[in-house]
N, C-alpha and C. Protein backbone atom coordinates (compact mmCIF):
# COMPACT_ATOMS: atom_id res chain seq x y z
N MET A 1 100.42 73.84 99.45
CA MET A 1 100.23 74.94 100.39
C MET A 1 101.10 74.69 101.61
N ALA A 2 101.78 75.73 102.05
CA ALA A 2 102.60 75.65 103.26
C ALA A 2 101.94 76.52 104.33
N THR A 3 101.95 76.03 105.56
CA THR A 3 101.37 76.78 106.68
C THR A 3 102.41 76.97 107.76
N TYR A 4 102.46 78.19 108.28
CA TYR A 4 103.36 78.53 109.38
C TYR A 4 102.51 79.17 110.47
N VAL A 5 102.73 78.77 111.72
CA VAL A 5 102.03 79.36 112.85
C VAL A 5 103.07 79.93 113.79
N ILE A 6 102.94 81.23 114.08
CA ILE A 6 103.91 81.92 114.93
C ILE A 6 103.16 82.64 116.04
N HIS A 7 103.65 82.50 117.25
CA HIS A 7 103.06 83.17 118.41
C HIS A 7 103.94 84.37 118.78
N THR A 8 103.30 85.50 119.01
CA THR A 8 104.03 86.68 119.48
C THR A 8 103.39 87.16 120.77
N THR A 9 104.20 87.79 121.61
CA THR A 9 103.67 88.28 122.89
C THR A 9 103.62 89.80 122.96
N THR A 10 104.27 90.48 122.01
CA THR A 10 104.26 91.94 122.01
C THR A 10 104.04 92.47 120.59
N GLU A 11 103.65 93.73 120.49
CA GLU A 11 103.52 94.37 119.19
C GLU A 11 104.86 94.38 118.46
N ASP A 12 105.94 94.61 119.19
CA ASP A 12 107.26 94.63 118.56
C ASP A 12 107.61 93.28 117.94
N GLU A 13 107.24 92.19 118.59
CA GLU A 13 107.49 90.86 118.01
C GLU A 13 106.66 90.67 116.74
N THR A 14 105.43 91.14 116.76
CA THR A 14 104.58 91.05 115.57
C THR A 14 105.19 91.85 114.43
N LYS A 15 105.65 93.06 114.73
CA LYS A 15 106.29 93.89 113.70
C LYS A 15 107.55 93.23 113.17
N GLU A 16 108.30 92.57 114.04
CA GLU A 16 109.55 91.94 113.61
C GLU A 16 109.28 90.79 112.63
N ILE A 17 108.26 90.01 112.87
CA ILE A 17 107.89 88.94 111.94
C ILE A 17 107.54 89.56 110.59
N ALA A 18 106.75 90.61 110.61
CA ALA A 18 106.36 91.28 109.37
C ALA A 18 107.55 91.93 108.68
N ARG A 19 108.46 92.49 109.46
CA ARG A 19 109.65 93.12 108.88
C ARG A 19 110.46 92.09 108.10
N ARG A 20 110.60 90.91 108.68
CA ARG A 20 111.35 89.84 108.00
C ARG A 20 110.70 89.49 106.67
N LEU A 21 109.39 89.49 106.63
CA LEU A 21 108.69 89.24 105.38
C LEU A 21 108.93 90.41 104.41
N GLY A 22 108.86 91.63 104.93
CA GLY A 22 109.11 92.81 104.10
C GLY A 22 110.50 92.86 103.51
N ASP A 23 111.45 92.27 104.20
CA ASP A 23 112.83 92.22 103.70
C ASP A 23 112.96 91.39 102.43
N VAL A 24 112.07 90.41 102.23
CA VAL A 24 112.25 89.47 101.12
C VAL A 24 111.13 89.48 100.09
N VAL A 25 110.09 90.30 100.27
CA VAL A 25 109.02 90.32 99.27
C VAL A 25 109.54 90.86 97.95
N ALA A 26 108.85 90.49 96.88
CA ALA A 26 109.22 90.90 95.53
C ALA A 26 108.06 91.65 94.90
N PRO A 27 108.32 92.34 93.79
CA PRO A 27 107.22 93.01 93.08
C PRO A 27 106.10 92.02 92.75
N GLY A 28 104.88 92.45 92.93
CA GLY A 28 103.74 91.60 92.63
C GLY A 28 103.29 90.72 93.78
N THR A 29 103.91 90.86 94.95
CA THR A 29 103.52 90.05 96.11
C THR A 29 102.13 90.46 96.60
N LEU A 30 101.30 89.46 96.88
CA LEU A 30 99.97 89.70 97.44
C LEU A 30 99.87 89.03 98.80
N LEU A 31 99.52 89.83 99.80
CA LEU A 31 99.29 89.34 101.15
C LEU A 31 97.88 89.73 101.55
N THR A 32 97.15 88.81 102.15
CA THR A 32 95.84 89.18 102.70
C THR A 32 95.90 89.02 104.21
N LEU A 33 95.19 89.90 104.90
CA LEU A 33 95.19 89.90 106.37
C LEU A 33 93.77 89.74 106.89
N GLU A 34 93.61 88.76 107.75
CA GLU A 34 92.33 88.53 108.39
C GLU A 34 92.51 88.65 109.89
N GLY A 35 91.49 89.15 110.55
CA GLY A 35 91.53 89.27 112.00
C GLY A 35 90.46 90.24 112.46
N ASP A 36 90.04 90.07 113.68
CA ASP A 36 89.04 90.97 114.25
C ASP A 36 89.56 92.40 114.32
N LEU A 37 88.65 93.34 114.51
CA LEU A 37 89.06 94.73 114.72
C LEU A 37 90.03 94.78 115.90
N GLY A 38 91.14 95.46 115.72
CA GLY A 38 92.12 95.59 116.79
C GLY A 38 93.03 94.39 116.98
N ALA A 39 92.97 93.41 116.09
CA ALA A 39 93.78 92.19 116.24
C ALA A 39 95.26 92.44 115.99
N GLY A 40 95.58 93.47 115.22
CA GLY A 40 96.98 93.75 114.94
C GLY A 40 97.32 93.79 113.46
N LYS A 41 96.31 93.93 112.61
CA LYS A 41 96.56 93.95 111.17
C LYS A 41 97.42 95.15 110.78
N THR A 42 97.08 96.32 111.27
CA THR A 42 97.87 97.51 110.94
C THR A 42 99.25 97.43 111.58
N THR A 43 99.35 96.88 112.76
CA THR A 43 100.66 96.67 113.39
C THR A 43 101.52 95.81 112.49
N PHE A 44 100.94 94.77 111.92
CA PHE A 44 101.67 93.89 111.01
C PHE A 44 102.15 94.69 109.79
N VAL A 45 101.30 95.51 109.22
CA VAL A 45 101.67 96.29 108.04
C VAL A 45 102.77 97.30 108.39
N LYS A 46 102.75 97.84 109.58
CA LYS A 46 103.83 98.74 110.00
C LYS A 46 105.18 98.01 109.97
N GLY A 47 105.21 96.78 110.44
CA GLY A 47 106.44 96.00 110.39
C GLY A 47 106.86 95.69 108.97
N LEU A 48 105.90 95.35 108.13
CA LEU A 48 106.18 95.09 106.72
C LEU A 48 106.80 96.33 106.07
N ALA A 49 106.26 97.49 106.39
CA ALA A 49 106.78 98.75 105.85
C ALA A 49 108.22 98.99 106.27
N ILE A 50 108.57 98.62 107.47
CA ILE A 50 109.96 98.75 107.92
C ILE A 50 110.86 97.90 107.03
N GLY A 51 110.44 96.69 106.73
CA GLY A 51 111.21 95.81 105.86
C GLY A 51 111.33 96.34 104.44
N LEU A 52 110.38 97.17 104.04
CA LEU A 52 110.39 97.78 102.71
C LEU A 52 111.08 99.15 102.70
N SER A 53 111.67 99.53 103.83
CA SER A 53 112.37 100.82 103.98
C SER A 53 111.46 102.01 103.74
N ILE A 54 110.22 101.90 104.18
CA ILE A 54 109.26 103.00 104.06
C ILE A 54 109.44 103.91 105.27
N GLN A 55 109.59 105.19 105.01
CA GLN A 55 109.83 106.16 106.07
C GLN A 55 108.54 106.81 106.59
N GLU A 56 107.47 106.74 105.83
CA GLU A 56 106.21 107.37 106.22
C GLU A 56 105.57 106.64 107.39
N ILE A 57 104.70 107.35 108.08
CA ILE A 57 103.91 106.74 109.15
C ILE A 57 102.80 105.92 108.49
N VAL A 58 102.70 104.69 108.87
CA VAL A 58 101.69 103.79 108.33
C VAL A 58 100.52 103.73 109.29
N ASN A 59 99.32 103.94 108.76
CA ASN A 59 98.13 103.79 109.58
C ASN A 59 97.03 103.11 108.78
N SER A 60 95.93 102.82 109.42
CA SER A 60 94.86 102.04 108.82
C SER A 60 94.21 102.79 107.66
N PRO A 61 93.93 102.06 106.57
CA PRO A 61 93.26 102.69 105.42
C PRO A 61 91.74 102.63 105.52
N THR A 62 91.19 102.45 106.70
CA THR A 62 89.76 102.23 106.88
C THR A 62 88.91 103.25 106.15
N PHE A 63 89.23 104.52 106.24
CA PHE A 63 88.36 105.53 105.65
C PHE A 63 88.79 105.96 104.26
N THR A 64 89.99 105.59 103.84
CA THR A 64 90.46 105.96 102.51
C THR A 64 90.47 104.78 101.55
N ILE A 65 90.22 103.59 102.01
CA ILE A 65 90.21 102.34 101.27
C ILE A 65 91.62 101.89 100.87
N ILE A 66 92.40 102.77 100.22
CA ILE A 66 93.74 102.40 99.77
C ILE A 66 94.73 103.47 100.20
N LYS A 67 95.82 103.04 100.81
CA LYS A 67 96.94 103.93 101.12
C LYS A 67 98.16 103.42 100.38
N GLU A 68 98.89 104.32 99.78
CA GLU A 68 100.09 103.95 99.04
C GLU A 68 101.31 104.55 99.72
N TYR A 69 102.36 103.75 99.83
CA TYR A 69 103.60 104.17 100.46
C TYR A 69 104.76 103.83 99.53
N GLU A 70 105.77 104.69 99.51
CA GLU A 70 106.95 104.45 98.68
C GLU A 70 108.12 104.01 99.53
N GLY A 71 108.79 102.96 99.09
CA GLY A 71 109.97 102.43 99.74
C GLY A 71 110.78 101.66 98.73
N ARG A 72 111.47 100.63 99.17
CA ARG A 72 112.21 99.77 98.25
C ARG A 72 111.28 99.28 97.14
N LEU A 73 110.06 98.96 97.50
CA LEU A 73 108.96 98.66 96.57
C LEU A 73 107.76 99.46 97.04
N PRO A 74 106.85 99.82 96.15
CA PRO A 74 105.62 100.47 96.61
C PRO A 74 104.81 99.49 97.46
N LEU A 75 104.15 100.03 98.48
CA LEU A 75 103.26 99.24 99.33
C LEU A 75 101.86 99.79 99.15
N TYR A 76 100.94 98.91 98.79
CA TYR A 76 99.53 99.27 98.64
C TYR A 76 98.76 98.58 99.76
N HIS A 77 98.29 99.36 100.70
CA HIS A 77 97.60 98.85 101.88
C HIS A 77 96.12 99.15 101.71
N MET A 78 95.30 98.11 101.60
CA MET A 78 93.88 98.26 101.31
C MET A 78 93.01 97.70 102.42
N ASP A 79 91.89 98.35 102.61
CA ASP A 79 90.87 97.86 103.52
C ASP A 79 89.65 97.57 102.65
N ALA A 80 89.34 96.30 102.45
CA ALA A 80 88.26 95.90 101.55
C ALA A 80 86.90 95.82 102.24
N TYR A 81 86.84 96.23 103.50
CA TYR A 81 85.60 96.08 104.27
C TYR A 81 84.40 96.72 103.58
N ARG A 82 84.61 97.87 102.95
CA ARG A 82 83.51 98.59 102.31
C ARG A 82 83.48 98.40 100.79
N LEU A 83 84.23 97.45 100.28
CA LEU A 83 84.37 97.30 98.82
C LEU A 83 83.42 96.33 98.17
N GLU A 84 82.68 95.57 98.91
CA GLU A 84 81.89 94.50 98.32
C GLU A 84 81.16 94.99 97.07
N GLY A 85 81.49 94.38 95.92
CA GLY A 85 80.86 94.73 94.65
C GLY A 85 81.45 95.94 93.97
N GLU A 86 82.42 96.62 94.57
CA GLU A 86 82.98 97.83 93.99
C GLU A 86 84.43 97.69 93.57
N GLU A 87 84.99 96.47 93.64
CA GLU A 87 86.40 96.28 93.39
C GLU A 87 86.80 96.69 91.97
N ASP A 88 85.90 96.53 90.98
CA ASP A 88 86.22 96.92 89.61
C ASP A 88 86.41 98.42 89.48
N ASP A 89 85.65 99.20 90.23
CA ASP A 89 85.74 100.66 90.17
C ASP A 89 87.09 101.17 90.67
N LEU A 90 87.78 100.41 91.50
CA LEU A 90 89.05 100.84 92.07
C LEU A 90 90.26 100.41 91.24
N GLY A 91 90.04 99.60 90.23
CA GLY A 91 91.17 99.08 89.47
C GLY A 91 92.02 98.15 90.31
N LEU A 92 91.38 97.30 91.08
CA LEU A 92 92.08 96.40 91.99
C LEU A 92 93.15 95.57 91.28
N ASP A 93 92.86 95.16 90.05
CA ASP A 93 93.84 94.37 89.28
C ASP A 93 95.17 95.10 89.11
N GLU A 94 95.12 96.41 88.93
CA GLU A 94 96.34 97.17 88.74
C GLU A 94 97.25 97.10 89.96
N TYR A 95 96.66 97.00 91.13
CA TYR A 95 97.44 96.87 92.35
C TYR A 95 97.92 95.43 92.53
N VAL A 96 96.97 94.49 92.46
CA VAL A 96 97.27 93.09 92.74
C VAL A 96 98.29 92.53 91.76
N TYR A 97 98.23 92.96 90.51
CA TYR A 97 99.14 92.44 89.50
C TYR A 97 100.21 93.46 89.11
N GLY A 98 100.41 94.46 89.99
CA GLY A 98 101.37 95.52 89.70
C GLY A 98 102.77 95.22 90.19
N GLN A 99 103.55 96.27 90.30
CA GLN A 99 104.97 96.14 90.65
C GLN A 99 105.25 96.37 92.13
N GLY A 100 104.21 96.52 92.92
CA GLY A 100 104.40 96.74 94.34
C GLY A 100 104.00 95.53 95.16
N VAL A 101 103.87 95.75 96.45
CA VAL A 101 103.41 94.75 97.40
C VAL A 101 102.02 95.17 97.83
N THR A 102 101.05 94.29 97.64
CA THR A 102 99.67 94.61 97.97
C THR A 102 99.26 93.85 99.22
N VAL A 103 98.71 94.58 100.19
CA VAL A 103 98.19 93.99 101.41
C VAL A 103 96.71 94.34 101.48
N ILE A 104 95.87 93.34 101.59
CA ILE A 104 94.43 93.56 101.64
C ILE A 104 93.87 93.05 102.95
N GLU A 105 93.32 93.97 103.73
CA GLU A 105 92.60 93.61 104.94
C GLU A 105 91.15 93.31 104.57
N TRP A 106 90.53 92.38 105.26
CA TRP A 106 89.17 91.95 105.01
C TRP A 106 89.03 91.39 103.58
N PRO A 107 89.89 90.44 103.19
CA PRO A 107 89.87 89.93 101.82
C PRO A 107 88.58 89.22 101.43
N GLU A 108 87.82 88.78 102.40
CA GLU A 108 86.59 88.05 102.09
C GLU A 108 85.61 88.90 101.28
N TYR A 109 85.75 90.23 101.32
CA TYR A 109 84.84 91.11 100.59
C TYR A 109 85.21 91.24 99.11
N VAL A 110 86.39 90.78 98.72
CA VAL A 110 86.81 90.83 97.32
C VAL A 110 87.37 89.49 96.86
N GLU A 111 87.08 88.46 97.61
CA GLU A 111 87.66 87.13 97.36
C GLU A 111 87.50 86.67 95.92
N GLU A 112 86.35 86.95 95.32
CA GLU A 112 86.08 86.44 93.98
C GLU A 112 87.00 87.01 92.91
N VAL A 113 87.67 88.12 93.18
CA VAL A 113 88.57 88.71 92.18
C VAL A 113 90.05 88.52 92.54
N LEU A 114 90.33 87.89 93.66
CA LEU A 114 91.72 87.70 94.09
C LEU A 114 92.29 86.40 93.53
N PRO A 115 93.56 86.42 93.16
CA PRO A 115 94.19 85.17 92.73
C PRO A 115 94.34 84.22 93.91
N GLU A 116 94.30 82.93 93.62
CA GLU A 116 94.47 81.93 94.67
C GLU A 116 95.88 81.97 95.24
N GLN A 117 96.87 82.21 94.38
CA GLN A 117 98.26 82.23 94.84
C GLN A 117 98.54 83.53 95.58
N ARG A 118 98.89 83.37 96.86
CA ARG A 118 99.16 84.50 97.74
C ARG A 118 99.54 83.96 99.11
N VAL A 119 99.83 84.88 100.03
CA VAL A 119 99.99 84.50 101.43
C VAL A 119 98.80 85.07 102.18
N SER A 120 98.00 84.19 102.77
CA SER A 120 96.89 84.61 103.62
C SER A 120 97.38 84.56 105.05
N ILE A 121 97.20 85.66 105.76
CA ILE A 121 97.68 85.76 107.13
C ILE A 121 96.49 86.03 108.04
N ALA A 122 96.28 85.16 108.99
CA ALA A 122 95.22 85.33 109.99
C ALA A 122 95.88 85.70 111.31
N ILE A 123 95.39 86.78 111.91
CA ILE A 123 95.92 87.24 113.19
C ILE A 123 94.82 87.10 114.24
N ALA A 124 95.13 86.40 115.32
CA ALA A 124 94.15 86.18 116.37
C ALA A 124 94.75 86.48 117.72
N TYR A 125 93.93 87.08 118.59
CA TYR A 125 94.35 87.27 119.97
C TYR A 125 94.42 85.93 120.67
N THR A 126 95.38 85.81 121.57
CA THR A 126 95.45 84.65 122.44
C THR A 126 95.59 85.17 123.86
N GLU A 127 95.60 84.26 124.79
CA GLU A 127 95.76 84.64 126.19
C GLU A 127 97.07 85.38 126.44
N ASN A 128 98.11 85.01 125.69
CA ASN A 128 99.44 85.59 125.93
C ASN A 128 99.95 86.45 124.78
N GLY A 129 99.09 86.92 123.91
CA GLY A 129 99.54 87.75 122.80
C GLY A 129 98.73 87.51 121.55
N ARG A 130 99.44 87.15 120.46
CA ARG A 130 98.79 86.93 119.17
C ARG A 130 99.31 85.64 118.54
N THR A 131 98.47 85.03 117.74
CA THR A 131 98.88 83.93 116.89
C THR A 131 98.73 84.39 115.46
N LEU A 132 99.81 84.26 114.69
CA LEU A 132 99.81 84.61 113.28
C LEU A 132 99.90 83.31 112.50
N THR A 133 98.92 83.05 111.64
CA THR A 133 98.90 81.85 110.82
C THR A 133 99.07 82.27 109.37
N PHE A 134 100.14 81.81 108.77
CA PHE A 134 100.48 82.13 107.38
C PHE A 134 100.14 80.92 106.52
N LYS A 135 99.35 81.11 105.47
CA LYS A 135 99.05 80.06 104.51
C LYS A 135 99.54 80.54 103.15
N ALA A 136 100.58 79.90 102.66
CA ALA A 136 101.19 80.28 101.39
C ALA A 136 100.70 79.33 100.30
N VAL A 137 100.10 79.89 99.27
CA VAL A 137 99.63 79.10 98.14
C VAL A 137 100.44 79.51 96.92
N GLY A 138 101.11 78.54 96.33
CA GLY A 138 101.96 78.78 95.17
C GLY A 138 103.43 78.71 95.57
N GLN A 139 104.24 78.17 94.68
CA GLN A 139 105.65 77.95 94.99
C GLN A 139 106.38 79.23 95.36
N ILE A 140 106.10 80.32 94.66
CA ILE A 140 106.76 81.60 94.97
C ILE A 140 106.46 82.02 96.40
N TYR A 141 105.21 81.86 96.81
CA TYR A 141 104.81 82.27 98.16
C TYR A 141 105.31 81.30 99.22
N GLU A 142 105.36 80.02 98.87
CA GLU A 142 105.93 79.05 99.80
C GLU A 142 107.41 79.35 100.04
N ASP A 143 108.14 79.66 98.97
CA ASP A 143 109.56 80.01 99.10
C ASP A 143 109.74 81.29 99.92
N LEU A 144 108.87 82.26 99.67
CA LEU A 144 108.93 83.54 100.40
C LEU A 144 108.76 83.31 101.90
N CYS A 145 107.76 82.54 102.28
CA CYS A 145 107.51 82.28 103.71
C CYS A 145 108.63 81.45 104.31
N ARG A 146 109.13 80.48 103.57
CA ARG A 146 110.23 79.65 104.10
C ARG A 146 111.44 80.54 104.42
N GLU A 147 111.74 81.46 103.50
CA GLU A 147 112.90 82.35 103.72
C GLU A 147 112.68 83.31 104.89
N ALA A 148 111.49 83.86 105.00
CA ALA A 148 111.25 84.87 106.02
C ALA A 148 110.90 84.30 107.38
N LEU A 149 110.26 83.15 107.43
CA LEU A 149 109.67 82.67 108.68
C LEU A 149 110.37 81.46 109.29
N SER A 150 111.24 80.81 108.56
CA SER A 150 111.90 79.62 109.09
C SER A 150 113.13 79.98 109.90
């Protein structure tokens, strides 16, 4: 497992880190996002979408559970907060093991069905901005983070 810790002071810096990741993700990439309400999870996904050449406006999937966007690769942005015990009904496997990039907010609610290999991203407020902690599990994800974040 590789861990990267990055501090940002503005939303634009947070988006830029995510954009760099979006530039290098491949089909089947799984990213999970953890953080308090308002921590910047959707801001991060907006930057990722820029890296994927998505032209649509990206916003939180809180009330729709899953939002899909088309770009260089499809982006599946999920909010698992209300999914506990219902992940099978949504066909979660089709997204996680599909040809797009899957981002799951609140992964703890579907943890039992998620593969261990992925990039887990924790976003936390700090006194001067945000701290983004990336934990890459699996060689593909370690290589991905090394390329985008080093």
